[in-house]
Amino acid sequence: MNKEKGQGFGLPVIKRMTESLGGTVTFESEEGKGTTFIIRLPPPHSS
């Protein structure tokens, strides 16, 4: 992995925001193919 730019705190911020909305952040990783992050949010409340 080669990280040339950025501050490296994006995923923790996304995780915290997602969890504050009642969602989850998970991932699936496969060597040689990469990593997929899955963000699940609950449906919006209807008024």
N, C-alpha and C. Protein backbone atom coordinates (compact mmCIF):
# COMPACT_ATOMS: atom_id res chain seq x y z
N MET A 1 0.84 -1.17 0.00
CA MET A 1 0.00 0.00 0.00
C MET A 1 0.89 1.23 0.00
N ASN A 2 0.55 2.17 -0.85
CA ASN A 2 1.34 3.39 -0.97
C ASN A 2 0.44 4.59 -0.73
N LYS A 3 0.64 5.26 0.37
CA LYS A 3 -0.18 6.41 0.72
C LYS A 3 0.67 7.66 0.59
N GLU A 4 0.38 8.44 -0.43
CA GLU A 4 1.18 9.62 -0.69
C GLU A 4 0.60 10.89 -0.10
N LYS A 5 -0.73 10.95 0.04
CA LYS A 5 -1.39 12.16 0.52
C LYS A 5 -2.37 11.80 1.62
N GLY A 6 -2.88 12.82 2.29
CA GLY A 6 -3.91 12.61 3.29
C GLY A 6 -3.36 12.57 4.69
N GLN A 7 -4.30 12.62 5.62
CA GLN A 7 -3.91 12.65 7.02
C GLN A 7 -4.20 11.34 7.73
N GLY A 8 -4.91 10.43 7.05
CA GLY A 8 -5.09 9.10 7.61
C GLY A 8 -6.13 8.98 8.70
N PHE A 9 -7.04 9.96 8.85
CA PHE A 9 -8.06 9.82 9.89
C PHE A 9 -9.47 9.79 9.30
N GLY A 10 -9.60 9.61 8.01
CA GLY A 10 -10.91 9.60 7.37
C GLY A 10 -11.81 8.48 7.82
N LEU A 11 -11.31 7.25 7.87
CA LEU A 11 -12.15 6.12 8.25
C LEU A 11 -12.67 6.23 9.68
N PRO A 12 -11.85 6.60 10.67
CA PRO A 12 -12.40 6.75 12.02
C PRO A 12 -13.51 7.81 12.09
N VAL A 13 -13.37 8.88 11.32
CA VAL A 13 -14.41 9.92 11.31
C VAL A 13 -15.69 9.36 10.70
N ILE A 14 -15.57 8.67 9.59
CA ILE A 14 -16.74 8.05 8.94
C ILE A 14 -17.41 7.05 9.87
N LYS A 15 -16.60 6.23 10.55
CA LYS A 15 -17.15 5.23 11.48
C LYS A 15 -17.92 5.90 12.61
N ARG A 16 -17.35 6.93 13.20
CA ARG A 16 -18.00 7.63 14.30
C ARG A 16 -19.31 8.28 13.83
N MET A 17 -19.29 8.92 12.67
CA MET A 17 -20.50 9.56 12.14
C MET A 17 -21.58 8.53 11.83
N THR A 18 -21.18 7.42 11.19
CA THR A 18 -22.14 6.38 10.84
C THR A 18 -22.77 5.78 12.08
N GLU A 19 -21.96 5.47 13.09
CA GLU A 19 -22.49 4.89 14.32
C GLU A 19 -23.39 5.86 15.07
N SER A 20 -23.10 7.16 14.99
CA SER A 20 -23.96 8.15 15.67
C SER A 20 -25.34 8.20 15.02
N LEU A 21 -25.44 7.77 13.76
CA LEU A 21 -26.72 7.72 13.05
C LEU A 21 -27.40 6.35 13.17
N GLY A 22 -26.79 5.45 13.97
CA GLY A 22 -27.37 4.13 14.16
C GLY A 22 -26.94 3.12 13.12
N GLY A 23 -25.90 3.43 12.37
CA GLY A 23 -25.42 2.53 11.32
C GLY A 23 -24.17 1.77 11.73
N THR A 24 -23.63 1.04 10.77
CA THR A 24 -22.42 0.25 11.01
C THR A 24 -21.46 0.41 9.84
N VAL A 25 -20.19 0.21 10.13
CA VAL A 25 -19.15 0.17 9.11
C VAL A 25 -18.42 -1.16 9.30
N THR A 26 -18.41 -1.96 8.25
CA THR A 26 -17.68 -3.23 8.28
C THR A 26 -16.81 -3.30 7.03
N PHE A 27 -16.00 -4.34 6.94
CA PHE A 27 -15.17 -4.47 5.75
C PHE A 27 -14.95 -5.94 5.41
N GLU A 28 -14.66 -6.17 4.15
CA GLU A 28 -14.27 -7.48 3.65
C GLU A 28 -12.96 -7.29 2.93
N SER A 29 -12.00 -8.15 3.22
CA SER A 29 -10.67 -8.00 2.62
C SER A 29 -10.23 -9.33 2.03
N GLU A 30 -9.66 -9.26 0.85
CA GLU A 30 -9.14 -10.46 0.21
C GLU A 30 -7.76 -10.14 -0.35
N GLU A 31 -6.79 -10.91 0.09
CA GLU A 31 -5.41 -10.67 -0.33
C GLU A 31 -5.30 -10.70 -1.85
N GLY A 32 -4.64 -9.70 -2.37
CA GLY A 32 -4.45 -9.60 -3.81
C GLY A 32 -5.60 -8.94 -4.55
N LYS A 33 -6.73 -8.76 -3.86
CA LYS A 33 -7.89 -8.14 -4.51
C LYS A 33 -8.26 -6.82 -3.87
N GLY A 34 -7.91 -6.61 -2.61
CA GLY A 34 -8.21 -5.34 -1.96
C GLY A 34 -9.24 -5.48 -0.85
N THR A 35 -9.70 -4.33 -0.40
CA THR A 35 -10.63 -4.26 0.72
C THR A 35 -11.85 -3.46 0.29
N THR A 36 -13.02 -3.97 0.68
CA THR A 36 -14.29 -3.28 0.44
C THR A 36 -14.86 -2.88 1.79
N PHE A 37 -15.19 -1.61 1.94
CA PHE A 37 -15.83 -1.12 3.16
C PHE A 37 -17.32 -1.02 2.91
N ILE A 38 -18.12 -1.50 3.87
CA ILE A 38 -19.57 -1.52 3.74
C ILE A 38 -20.14 -0.61 4.82
N ILE A 39 -20.87 0.41 4.38
CA ILE A 39 -21.52 1.34 5.30
C ILE A 39 -23.02 1.08 5.22
N ARG A 40 -23.61 0.74 6.36
CA ARG A 40 -25.05 0.49 6.43
C ARG A 40 -25.69 1.53 7.34
N LEU A 41 -26.73 2.17 6.83
CA LEU A 41 -27.47 3.15 7.60
C LEU A 41 -28.92 2.69 7.72
N PRO A 42 -29.57 2.99 8.85
CA PRO A 42 -30.98 2.63 8.97
C PRO A 42 -31.82 3.50 8.04
N PRO A 43 -33.02 3.03 7.69
CA PRO A 43 -33.87 3.87 6.83
C PRO A 43 -34.27 5.15 7.56
N PRO A 44 -34.54 6.21 6.80
CA PRO A 44 -34.95 7.46 7.44
C PRO A 44 -36.31 7.30 8.13
N HIS A 45 -36.51 8.08 9.18
CA HIS A 45 -37.79 8.08 9.89
C HIS A 45 -38.81 8.80 9.04
N SER A 46 -40.00 8.21 8.94
CA SER A 46 -41.06 8.92 8.21
C SER A 46 -41.85 9.80 9.17
N SER A 47 -42.28 10.95 8.68
CA SER A 47 -43.00 11.88 9.56
C SER A 47 -44.48 11.72 9.42
